[in-house]
Every structure is written in structure tokens, then in C-alpha cells.
Amino acid sequence: MRLRTWPERPPGYPVEPRSRAYWFRGRPSPACERNDPYLKLVGTDRLRTYPDGLWLAFGGTPVEMYVDIFAVEACGSITNLSDKRSRFAPSTHSMVAVCPLRWLLGHRSPGRPIPRWRRIGMYDEPESPLTVPVPVRDMRVMYALNQRQYRSFAASQVPNPHELFVPMNQLTAIDAAASPAMRTLVAKAATTANFWAPVAPLPAAR
């Protein structure tokens, strides 16, 4: 899958001065792993969402933790797009991210042997999957459509504030992660893009 070649931070997503969080690519994980994080609604074990691509940035404190997500969904039809958009609609902000134990114990990248849970910096070494899934604070979603559907959608529809759209051939291109156009589009997903100028994070409360 082409998204496996994308880096741990979404390509083009800027380093935000007000955030100390590490980004992790949760989906797709390396081919040798089979325990990718997924999304679901609070209080249900059904209707899980497995995006084609999922990046997570953990933040907050060990007592009050959250995760920001950047998701990528490849849509084979307008009907498929409608279904996937409904899963990320603003009314589903009670969404949580579930991180399996093996994923937390795994490494952020082959050249960095530090396990993900230690990089997150808010866990003791975990012994089971997160029993209290991490609430999603902010989400941004990129949808890919074939060229004809993309042109039709872009000419007639208004995206929601958290949505980005891209032609499928641009998403699946060999050099997509290095493409200046792709990186510019992903940069628009940063929360700092909504502010006049970025600011440093506030000191931790005591």
C-alpha cells in the first residue's frame, strides 16, 4: 500500500510550536504488524472505523489525555464517499482512538528502537490495550476520488472545515509524500492554519 511509504508525520504537516506531541502513523502499519489503531464511538464495540491512513498525535496529561488525528480515505464511488464522510461528521466528536497493546509496544520506525508508548511520554509500560480509549480532540480527513468524481465533487460541493479532497492518482503517485502540491494541501490541516500567527504552548498547570 502506497501510504506505507509516507512518513510518521503527515507529509507537509508543519511542526507546531504550541504542541509537544509526537506524530505516529497508526495505519497502515508496517507489513509485519497486524495490530493497527482504529476509531470508534464511545460506549460501543460495533461500527469501528479503519481508515486507509491514520496518523495520531497524543497530547494532554496522563490524567487528561487526548489525541489529534489525520486520516486518509480512498473512496471508490460517491456512495462510498458519503458513507465515509458520515463517519467523520461533526456529530461524531465522541469518537475515540483505540491503540492495541502490540502497537504501543512496537517501534515508531525501524531506525528508532524506542517503543511508541515511551515516545508518547504519558504511560507506564502498558500490559493491555487501552481500557479507556483516548478521546479524539481534533480530526482532519483527506478523501481521494477518481478524476471524474473529483472534478464533479469539487465543482458542486462545499467541504466541511475538517475535510480535504484530492484526486486518487495524486494520492497513489510514487512520490506523493514528496509532492509540493500534496505537502501544501496537508499543511492546511494544521490547527495553526486557523490562527493569525502560531504561539508557544502555555505552561503546564500546577
Protein backbone atom coordinates (compact mmCIF):
# COMPACT_ATOMS: atom_id res chain seq x y z
CA MET A 1 0.00 0.00 0.00
CA ARG A 2 1.42 3.36 -1.09
CA LEU A 3 0.61 5.05 2.25
CA ARG A 4 3.20 2.79 3.94
CA THR A 5 5.86 4.93 2.27
CA TRP A 6 4.54 8.08 3.94
CA PRO A 7 6.49 9.31 7.00
CA GLU A 8 5.49 9.19 10.66
CA ARG A 9 4.33 12.81 10.47
CA PRO A 10 1.81 13.57 7.69
CA PRO A 11 3.92 14.96 4.80
CA GLY A 12 3.87 18.73 4.83
CA TYR A 13 2.23 18.98 8.26
CA PRO A 14 4.19 21.74 10.00
CA VAL A 15 5.87 21.48 13.37
CA GLU A 16 3.51 23.37 15.67
CA PRO A 17 5.19 25.47 18.39
CA ARG A 18 2.21 25.09 20.73
CA SER A 19 2.30 21.30 20.60
CA ARG A 20 4.87 18.97 22.14
CA ALA A 21 3.21 15.88 20.72
CA TYR A 22 4.89 13.24 18.58
CA TRP A 23 3.09 12.09 15.47
CA PHE A 24 2.70 8.38 14.85
CA ARG A 25 1.50 6.63 11.72
CA GLY A 26 -1.11 4.19 13.01
CA ARG A 27 -2.45 2.93 9.69
CA PRO A 28 -1.19 1.32 7.62
CA SER A 29 1.42 -0.07 9.96
CA PRO A 30 4.48 -1.92 8.63
CA ALA A 31 3.53 -5.11 6.79
CA CYS A 32 4.93 -7.20 9.65
CA GLU A 33 2.44 -5.71 12.13
CA ARG A 34 -1.23 -6.65 12.32
CA ASN A 35 -2.44 -4.54 15.24
CA ASP A 36 -3.25 -1.11 13.87
CA PRO A 37 -5.13 1.52 15.92
CA TYR A 38 -8.73 2.16 14.93
CA LEU A 39 -11.55 4.59 15.71
CA LYS A 40 -14.94 4.00 17.30
CA LEU A 41 -17.72 5.79 19.10
CA VAL A 42 -17.77 5.95 22.88
CA GLY A 43 -19.64 3.08 24.51
CA THR A 44 -19.88 0.76 21.51
CA ASP A 45 -17.85 -2.17 20.23
CA ARG A 46 -19.54 -2.03 16.85
CA LEU A 47 -19.23 0.36 13.91
CA ARG A 48 -15.47 0.57 14.19
CA THR A 49 -13.73 2.76 11.62
CA TYR A 50 -10.49 1.61 9.99
CA PRO A 51 -9.24 4.48 7.78
CA ASP A 52 -6.89 3.65 4.91
CA GLY A 53 -4.41 6.03 6.53
CA LEU A 54 -4.38 7.20 10.16
CA TRP A 55 -1.88 9.44 11.93
CA LEU A 56 -2.14 10.19 15.65
CA ALA A 57 -0.62 12.97 17.78
CA PHE A 58 -1.08 12.38 21.52
CA GLY A 59 -1.29 15.32 23.89
CA GLY A 60 -2.57 16.48 27.27
CA THR A 61 -1.52 14.86 30.54
CA PRO A 62 -1.59 11.30 31.93
CA VAL A 63 -4.77 12.29 33.78
CA GLU A 64 -6.48 14.03 30.87
CA MET A 65 -5.10 12.69 27.63
CA TYR A 66 -6.30 13.30 24.07
CA VAL A 67 -5.27 12.55 20.51
CA ASP A 68 -5.45 14.61 17.32
CA ILE A 69 -5.87 12.60 14.15
CA PHE A 70 -5.20 12.97 10.43
CA ALA A 71 -6.99 10.32 8.37
CA VAL A 72 -6.90 9.38 4.69
CA GLU A 73 -9.80 7.62 2.97
CA ALA A 74 -9.65 6.32 -0.61
CA CYS A 75 -13.21 6.30 -2.00
CA GLY A 76 -14.21 4.08 -4.89
CA SER A 77 -17.54 5.78 -5.53
CA ILE A 78 -19.67 8.72 -4.45
CA THR A 79 -21.74 6.33 -2.33
CA ASN A 80 -18.56 5.13 -0.62
CA LEU A 81 -17.54 8.76 -0.06
CA SER A 82 -20.89 9.57 1.53
CA ASP A 83 -20.58 6.61 3.89
CA LYS A 84 -17.06 7.54 4.94
CA ARG A 85 -17.89 11.24 5.36
CA SER A 86 -20.76 10.31 7.69
CA ARG A 87 -18.32 8.52 10.00
CA PHE A 88 -16.32 11.70 10.47
CA ALA A 89 -19.24 14.11 10.62
CA PRO A 90 -19.03 16.77 13.37
CA SER A 91 -21.82 14.99 15.27
CA THR A 92 -19.42 12.10 15.96
CA HIS A 93 -16.96 14.06 18.08
CA SER A 94 -17.44 11.48 20.83
CA MET A 95 -15.04 9.40 18.72
CA VAL A 96 -12.14 7.70 20.46
CA ALA A 97 -8.92 6.06 19.27
CA VAL A 98 -8.10 2.52 20.44
CA CYS A 99 -4.43 1.53 20.43
CA PRO A 100 -3.73 -2.22 20.69
CA LEU A 101 -1.00 -3.39 23.06
CA ARG A 102 1.29 -4.70 20.31
CA TRP A 103 1.12 -1.36 18.53
CA LEU A 104 2.04 0.54 21.71
CA LEU A 105 4.97 -1.83 22.31
CA GLY A 106 6.15 -1.51 18.71
CA HIS A 107 8.69 1.00 17.39
CA ARG A 108 7.92 4.34 15.76
CA SER A 109 10.28 3.44 12.91
CA PRO A 110 12.90 0.71 12.28
CA GLY A 111 15.77 3.10 12.94
CA ARG A 112 14.36 4.24 16.29
CA PRO A 113 14.12 1.31 18.72
CA ILE A 114 12.27 3.33 21.39
CA PRO A 115 8.74 1.85 21.76
CA ARG A 116 5.77 4.04 20.92
CA TRP A 117 4.39 4.12 24.49
CA ARG A 118 7.65 5.64 25.73
CA ARG A 119 7.67 8.21 22.91
CA ILE A 120 4.14 9.26 23.83
CA GLY A 121 5.55 10.01 27.28
CA MET A 122 2.37 9.59 29.31
CA TYR A 123 2.21 5.88 30.03
CA ASP A 124 3.83 3.44 32.33
CA GLU A 125 4.73 0.37 30.31
CA PRO A 126 1.33 -0.97 29.21
CA GLU A 127 0.25 -4.54 29.85
CA SER A 128 -3.07 -4.49 27.98
CA PRO A 129 -4.79 -2.44 25.27
CA LEU A 130 -6.02 0.92 26.49
CA THR A 131 -9.09 0.09 28.56
CA VAL A 132 -10.16 3.74 28.40
CA PRO A 133 -9.74 4.68 24.71
CA VAL A 134 -8.18 8.07 24.06
CA PRO A 135 -10.71 10.79 23.13
CA VAL A 136 -10.22 12.48 19.78
CA ARG A 137 -9.78 16.24 20.29
CA ASP A 138 -9.36 17.29 16.68
CA MET A 139 -9.65 15.46 13.36
CA ARG A 140 -8.76 16.25 9.77
CA VAL A 141 -9.64 13.88 6.94
CA MET A 142 -8.35 13.68 3.38
CA TYR A 143 -10.62 11.94 0.85
CA ALA A 144 -9.39 10.65 -2.50
CA LEU A 145 -11.68 10.26 -5.52
CA ASN A 146 -11.08 9.20 -9.10
CA GLN A 147 -10.55 12.07 -11.52
CA ARG A 148 -14.10 12.25 -12.89
CA GLN A 149 -15.75 12.10 -9.46
CA TYR A 150 -13.23 14.54 -8.04
CA ARG A 151 -13.96 17.12 -10.73
CA SER A 152 -17.72 16.73 -10.27
CA PHE A 153 -17.50 17.00 -6.48
CA ALA A 154 -15.09 19.94 -6.48
CA ALA A 155 -17.29 21.85 -8.92
CA SER A 156 -20.52 21.49 -6.95
CA GLN A 157 -19.91 20.70 -3.27
CA VAL A 158 -18.69 22.63 -0.21
CA PRO A 159 -16.34 20.68 2.09
CA ASN A 160 -16.70 20.72 5.84
CA PRO A 161 -13.93 22.58 7.71
CA HIS A 162 -12.14 19.34 8.66
CA GLU A 163 -12.15 17.88 5.12
CA LEU A 164 -9.55 17.87 2.34
CA PHE A 165 -10.05 16.37 -1.13
CA VAL A 166 -7.52 15.06 -3.62
CA PRO A 167 -7.59 13.14 -6.93
CA MET A 168 -6.83 9.44 -6.44
CA ASN A 169 -3.90 9.46 -8.88
CA GLN A 170 -2.20 12.14 -6.77
CA LEU A 171 -2.63 10.10 -3.59
CA THR A 172 -1.28 6.90 -5.15
CA ALA A 173 1.62 8.50 -7.03
CA ILE A 174 5.04 7.07 -6.16
CA ASP A 175 6.31 10.47 -5.00
CA ALA A 176 3.06 11.64 -3.38
CA ALA A 177 4.60 12.26 0.04
CA ALA A 178 7.30 14.46 -1.51
CA SER A 179 4.98 16.32 -3.89
CA PRO A 180 4.95 20.08 -3.14
CA ALA A 181 1.25 20.22 -4.01
CA MET A 182 0.42 17.37 -1.61
CA ARG A 183 2.51 18.88 1.17
CA THR A 184 0.83 22.25 0.69
CA LEU A 185 -2.60 20.64 0.93
CA VAL A 186 -1.70 18.66 4.07
CA ALA A 187 -0.29 21.81 5.68
CA LYS A 188 -3.81 23.26 5.57
CA ALA A 189 -4.85 20.55 8.05
CA ALA A 190 -2.66 22.00 10.81
CA THR A 191 -4.57 23.68 13.62
CA THR A 192 -2.17 26.62 13.41
CA ALA A 193 -3.50 27.33 9.90
CA ASN A 194 -6.59 28.87 11.56
CA PHE A 195 -4.60 31.43 13.57
CA TRP A 196 -3.02 34.76 12.65
CA ALA A 197 0.31 33.56 14.00
CA PRO A 198 1.45 30.49 15.96
CA VAL A 199 2.13 30.86 19.68
CA ALA A 200 4.10 28.85 22.22
CA PRO A 201 2.20 26.45 24.50
CA LEU A 202 1.02 27.69 27.87
CA PRO A 203 2.98 26.43 30.90
CA ALA A 204 1.59 23.31 32.49
CA ALA A 205 -0.95 23.93 35.27
CA ARG A 206 0.16 23.18 38.82
